[in-house]
Amino acid sequence: MTHLTVRQTRASELASVAAPVKKTVAVATQSFLDELSRIRPTNSKPAFGRASSQTNVAGQNSVTASNAVTPAIGFNALVPKSSIVVTPPPPAAPVTTDTVQSADDAYWAKQPSAVRQLRKIDDYSQRASLGALLASEGYSIDTPIMVWGWDPGKTTELRQQFGYTWVPSAMQSPVTAAPGISGAGITRYDPAHPPTGSISV
């Protein structure tokens, strides 16, 4: 028969075993910052390096967009940088409404006062009626400009580019061929001999 000896644990021994357990639990429940402040004062520098470089992104070295270099990819990587030349387009000649307006004013200023009335009429049918009346009285009426309302400066410029030195007025026969065109059955345009009553370009 086996006898087991059971030793009674005294209360003082239990207290000595329980004390480290209590201390471990207490330390585990404390926050890291509380434990850190207990170990070192808050005004002392940390022993493990600059805290700002760990938490502040601005304190680290960074590349700004102006210094960034985008690597060339694809066929662009084969082209040497020295051969890449960007040429800006030439500046466009400024065209102001004052210039256009002054050209229109100059055109209308050359016309007789009776013909200048056509410029102020907005209604097409009234303008056409007055234009026909003035043409029947012997005035030279430039139908595209004075009746249809085309721009005087642009119309005159286009006529000159195509070689016109004159155009027929409202009561004259239209031109059947542009300057420089000839052929069977075509009445050639004669730039040197404008018909009487035609409008000079």
Protein backbone atom coordinates (compact mmCIF):
# COMPACT_ATOMS: atom_id res chain seq x y z
CA MET A 1 0.00 0.00 0.00
CA THR A 2 1.34 3.36 -1.03
CA HIS A 3 1.08 6.35 1.21
CA LEU A 4 1.05 9.81 -0.20
CA THR A 5 2.21 12.61 1.86
CA VAL A 6 0.20 15.75 1.38
CA ARG A 7 1.79 18.85 2.58
CA GLN A 8 -0.39 21.71 3.50
CA THR A 9 0.55 24.97 1.88
CA ARG A 10 0.85 27.76 4.23
CA ALA A 11 -0.78 31.12 3.56
CA SER A 12 2.57 32.88 3.47
CA GLU A 13 3.73 30.67 0.60
CA LEU A 14 0.56 31.33 -1.39
CA ALA A 15 1.03 35.05 -0.96
CA SER A 16 4.61 34.85 -2.29
CA VAL A 17 3.47 32.92 -5.41
CA ALA A 18 0.47 35.19 -6.05
CA ALA A 19 2.46 38.41 -5.72
CA PRO A 20 4.40 38.05 -9.03
CA VAL A 21 1.19 37.06 -10.85
CA LYS A 22 -0.58 40.18 -9.61
CA LYS A 23 2.37 42.31 -10.65
CA THR A 24 2.38 40.82 -14.16
CA VAL A 25 -1.36 41.40 -14.61
CA ALA A 26 -1.05 44.95 -13.38
CA VAL A 27 1.78 45.73 -15.80
CA ALA A 28 -0.10 44.17 -18.72
CA THR A 29 -3.17 46.29 -18.10
CA GLN A 30 -1.31 49.55 -17.99
CA SER A 31 -0.97 51.44 -21.24
CA PHE A 32 2.35 51.64 -23.01
CA LEU A 33 2.54 55.41 -22.55
CA ASP A 34 1.96 55.15 -18.78
CA GLU A 35 4.73 52.60 -18.48
CA LEU A 36 7.02 54.70 -20.70
CA SER A 37 6.42 57.84 -18.63
CA ARG A 38 7.19 55.89 -15.48
CA ILE A 39 10.50 54.67 -16.93
CA ARG A 40 11.67 58.06 -18.27
CA PRO A 41 10.50 61.66 -17.80
CA THR A 42 8.45 63.27 -20.61
CA ASN A 43 10.93 66.11 -21.17
CA SER A 44 13.90 63.83 -21.90
CA LYS A 45 14.85 62.88 -25.45
CA PRO A 46 14.10 59.33 -26.55
CA ALA A 47 17.07 57.02 -26.62
CA PHE A 48 16.04 55.29 -29.88
CA GLY A 49 16.33 58.20 -32.41
CA ARG A 50 14.37 61.19 -33.61
CA ALA A 51 10.66 60.82 -33.02
CA SER A 52 9.81 63.37 -35.71
CA SER A 53 11.23 61.22 -38.47
CA GLN A 54 8.98 58.35 -37.37
CA THR A 55 5.74 60.30 -37.23
CA ASN A 56 6.14 63.39 -39.41
CA VAL A 57 6.21 62.72 -43.16
CA ALA A 58 7.27 66.31 -43.86
CA GLY A 59 10.46 65.73 -41.89
CA GLN A 60 11.54 63.04 -44.37
CA ASN A 61 13.22 63.75 -47.68
CA SER A 62 10.70 63.76 -50.53
CA VAL A 63 10.83 64.43 -54.26
CA THR A 64 8.74 67.34 -55.46
CA ALA A 65 6.85 67.33 -58.77
CA SER A 66 9.17 69.94 -60.30
CA ASN A 67 12.24 67.76 -59.66
CA ALA A 68 10.59 64.49 -60.65
CA VAL A 69 11.86 62.85 -63.83
CA THR A 70 9.45 60.63 -65.71
CA PRO A 71 11.33 57.77 -67.34
CA ALA A 72 10.79 57.38 -71.07
CA ILE A 73 8.96 54.24 -72.10
CA GLY A 74 8.43 52.41 -75.39
CA PHE A 75 9.87 54.06 -78.53
CA ASN A 76 10.41 57.30 -76.60
CA ALA A 77 13.21 55.59 -74.67
CA LEU A 78 15.13 55.16 -77.95
CA VAL A 79 15.05 58.87 -78.86
CA PRO A 80 17.97 60.88 -77.42
CA LYS A 81 16.93 63.81 -75.25
CA SER A 82 19.01 66.23 -77.29
CA SER A 83 16.95 65.51 -80.43
CA ILE A 84 13.61 66.31 -78.82
CA VAL A 85 12.77 69.91 -79.75
CA VAL A 86 9.42 71.47 -79.03
CA THR A 87 8.65 74.43 -81.27
CA PRO A 88 5.70 76.58 -80.19
CA PRO A 89 3.32 77.69 -82.95
CA PRO A 90 3.79 81.26 -84.20
CA PRO A 91 1.44 83.79 -82.62
CA ALA A 92 -1.63 84.51 -84.68
CA ALA A 93 -2.02 88.00 -86.04
CA PRO A 94 -4.55 89.81 -83.89
CA VAL A 95 -7.74 90.72 -85.68
CA THR A 96 -9.81 93.20 -83.78
CA THR A 97 -13.38 94.12 -84.42
CA ASP A 98 -12.24 97.73 -84.70
CA THR A 99 -10.14 96.84 -87.78
CA VAL A 100 -13.05 95.01 -89.41
CA GLN A 101 -15.45 97.79 -88.50
CA SER A 102 -13.14 100.47 -89.92
CA ALA A 103 -12.84 98.53 -93.22
CA ASP A 104 -16.63 98.32 -93.42
CA ASP A 105 -16.96 102.00 -92.56
CA ALA A 106 -14.45 102.90 -95.28
CA TYR A 107 -16.41 100.88 -97.86
CA TRP A 108 -19.74 102.48 -97.00
CA ALA A 109 -18.22 105.97 -96.75
CA LYS A 110 -17.33 105.77 -100.48
CA GLN A 111 -21.00 105.19 -101.43
CA PRO A 112 -23.49 107.95 -102.21
CA SER A 113 -25.76 108.97 -99.29
CA ALA A 114 -28.80 107.35 -100.95
CA VAL A 115 -26.96 103.99 -101.13
CA ARG A 116 -25.66 104.26 -97.53
CA GLN A 117 -29.26 103.90 -96.34
CA LEU A 118 -29.13 100.20 -97.25
CA ARG A 119 -26.63 99.57 -94.44
CA LYS A 120 -29.11 100.66 -91.76
CA ILE A 121 -32.01 98.45 -92.93
CA ASP A 122 -32.19 95.12 -91.06
CA ASP A 123 -35.20 93.66 -92.91
CA TYR A 124 -34.03 91.83 -96.08
CA SER A 125 -37.18 92.45 -98.14
CA GLN A 126 -37.07 96.20 -97.45
CA ARG A 127 -33.37 96.28 -98.30
CA ALA A 128 -33.99 94.39 -101.57
CA SER A 129 -36.83 96.74 -102.55
CA LEU A 130 -34.77 99.86 -101.89
CA GLY A 131 -31.75 98.33 -103.68
CA ALA A 132 -33.86 97.61 -106.79
CA LEU A 133 -35.28 101.13 -106.70
CA LEU A 134 -31.82 102.72 -106.43
CA ALA A 135 -30.48 100.49 -109.22
CA SER A 136 -33.37 101.56 -111.50
CA GLU A 137 -32.44 105.19 -110.76
CA GLY A 138 -28.88 104.55 -112.01
CA TYR A 139 -26.96 103.85 -108.78
CA SER A 140 -24.40 101.04 -108.81
CA ILE A 141 -25.68 98.44 -106.34
CA ASP A 142 -23.32 95.67 -105.26
CA THR A 143 -25.97 93.01 -104.59
CA PRO A 144 -23.95 90.56 -102.41
CA ILE A 145 -22.79 93.33 -100.07
CA MET A 146 -25.55 95.94 -100.18
CA VAL A 147 -28.58 93.65 -100.46
CA TRP A 148 -27.53 90.20 -99.20
CA GLY A 149 -25.48 91.69 -96.34
CA TRP A 150 -22.07 90.12 -97.05
CA ASP A 151 -19.01 91.57 -95.27
CA PRO A 152 -17.54 94.33 -97.52
CA GLY A 153 -13.89 93.81 -96.53
CA LYS A 154 -13.87 90.00 -96.83
CA THR A 155 -15.89 90.02 -100.04
CA THR A 156 -13.54 92.54 -101.68
CA GLU A 157 -10.48 90.58 -100.51
CA LEU A 158 -11.81 87.32 -102.00
CA ARG A 159 -12.63 89.00 -105.28
CA GLN A 160 -9.10 90.34 -105.52
CA GLN A 161 -7.60 86.93 -104.72
CA PHE A 162 -9.58 85.37 -107.58
CA GLY A 163 -8.42 88.06 -110.02
CA TYR A 164 -11.54 90.21 -110.29
CA THR A 165 -10.97 93.88 -111.08
CA TRP A 166 -14.67 94.61 -111.44
CA VAL A 167 -18.03 92.94 -110.72
CA PRO A 168 -21.41 93.64 -112.31
CA SER A 169 -23.89 95.88 -110.52
CA ALA A 170 -27.48 94.80 -109.77
CA MET A 171 -28.93 95.61 -113.24
CA GLN A 172 -26.07 94.13 -115.30
CA SER A 173 -25.56 90.62 -116.65
CA PRO A 174 -23.66 88.29 -114.31
CA VAL A 175 -20.13 87.13 -115.03
CA THR A 176 -20.26 83.75 -116.79
CA ALA A 177 -16.65 82.68 -116.15
CA ALA A 178 -14.15 83.46 -113.46
CA PRO A 179 -10.95 85.31 -114.43
CA GLY A 180 -8.52 83.08 -116.35
CA ILE A 181 -11.17 80.55 -117.46
CA SER A 182 -11.65 80.08 -121.20
CA GLY A 183 -13.23 77.52 -123.50
CA ALA A 184 -15.84 76.91 -126.17
CA GLY A 185 -19.06 78.85 -125.52
CA ILE A 186 -17.57 80.74 -122.53
CA THR A 187 -17.51 84.52 -122.49
CA ARG A 188 -14.10 85.32 -121.03
CA TYR A 189 -13.76 87.74 -118.16
CA ASP A 190 -11.90 90.85 -119.30
CA PRO A 191 -10.21 92.44 -116.29
CA ALA A 192 -8.88 95.39 -118.32
CA HIS A 193 -12.24 96.55 -119.73
CA PRO A 194 -15.00 96.83 -117.12
CA PRO A 195 -18.51 97.56 -118.48
CA THR A 196 -20.01 100.96 -117.80
CA GLY A 197 -21.81 101.01 -114.44
CA SER A 198 -19.90 98.02 -113.04
CA ILE A 199 -18.38 98.09 -109.57
CA SER A 200 -14.61 98.29 -109.35
CA VAL A 201 -12.89 95.91 -106.92
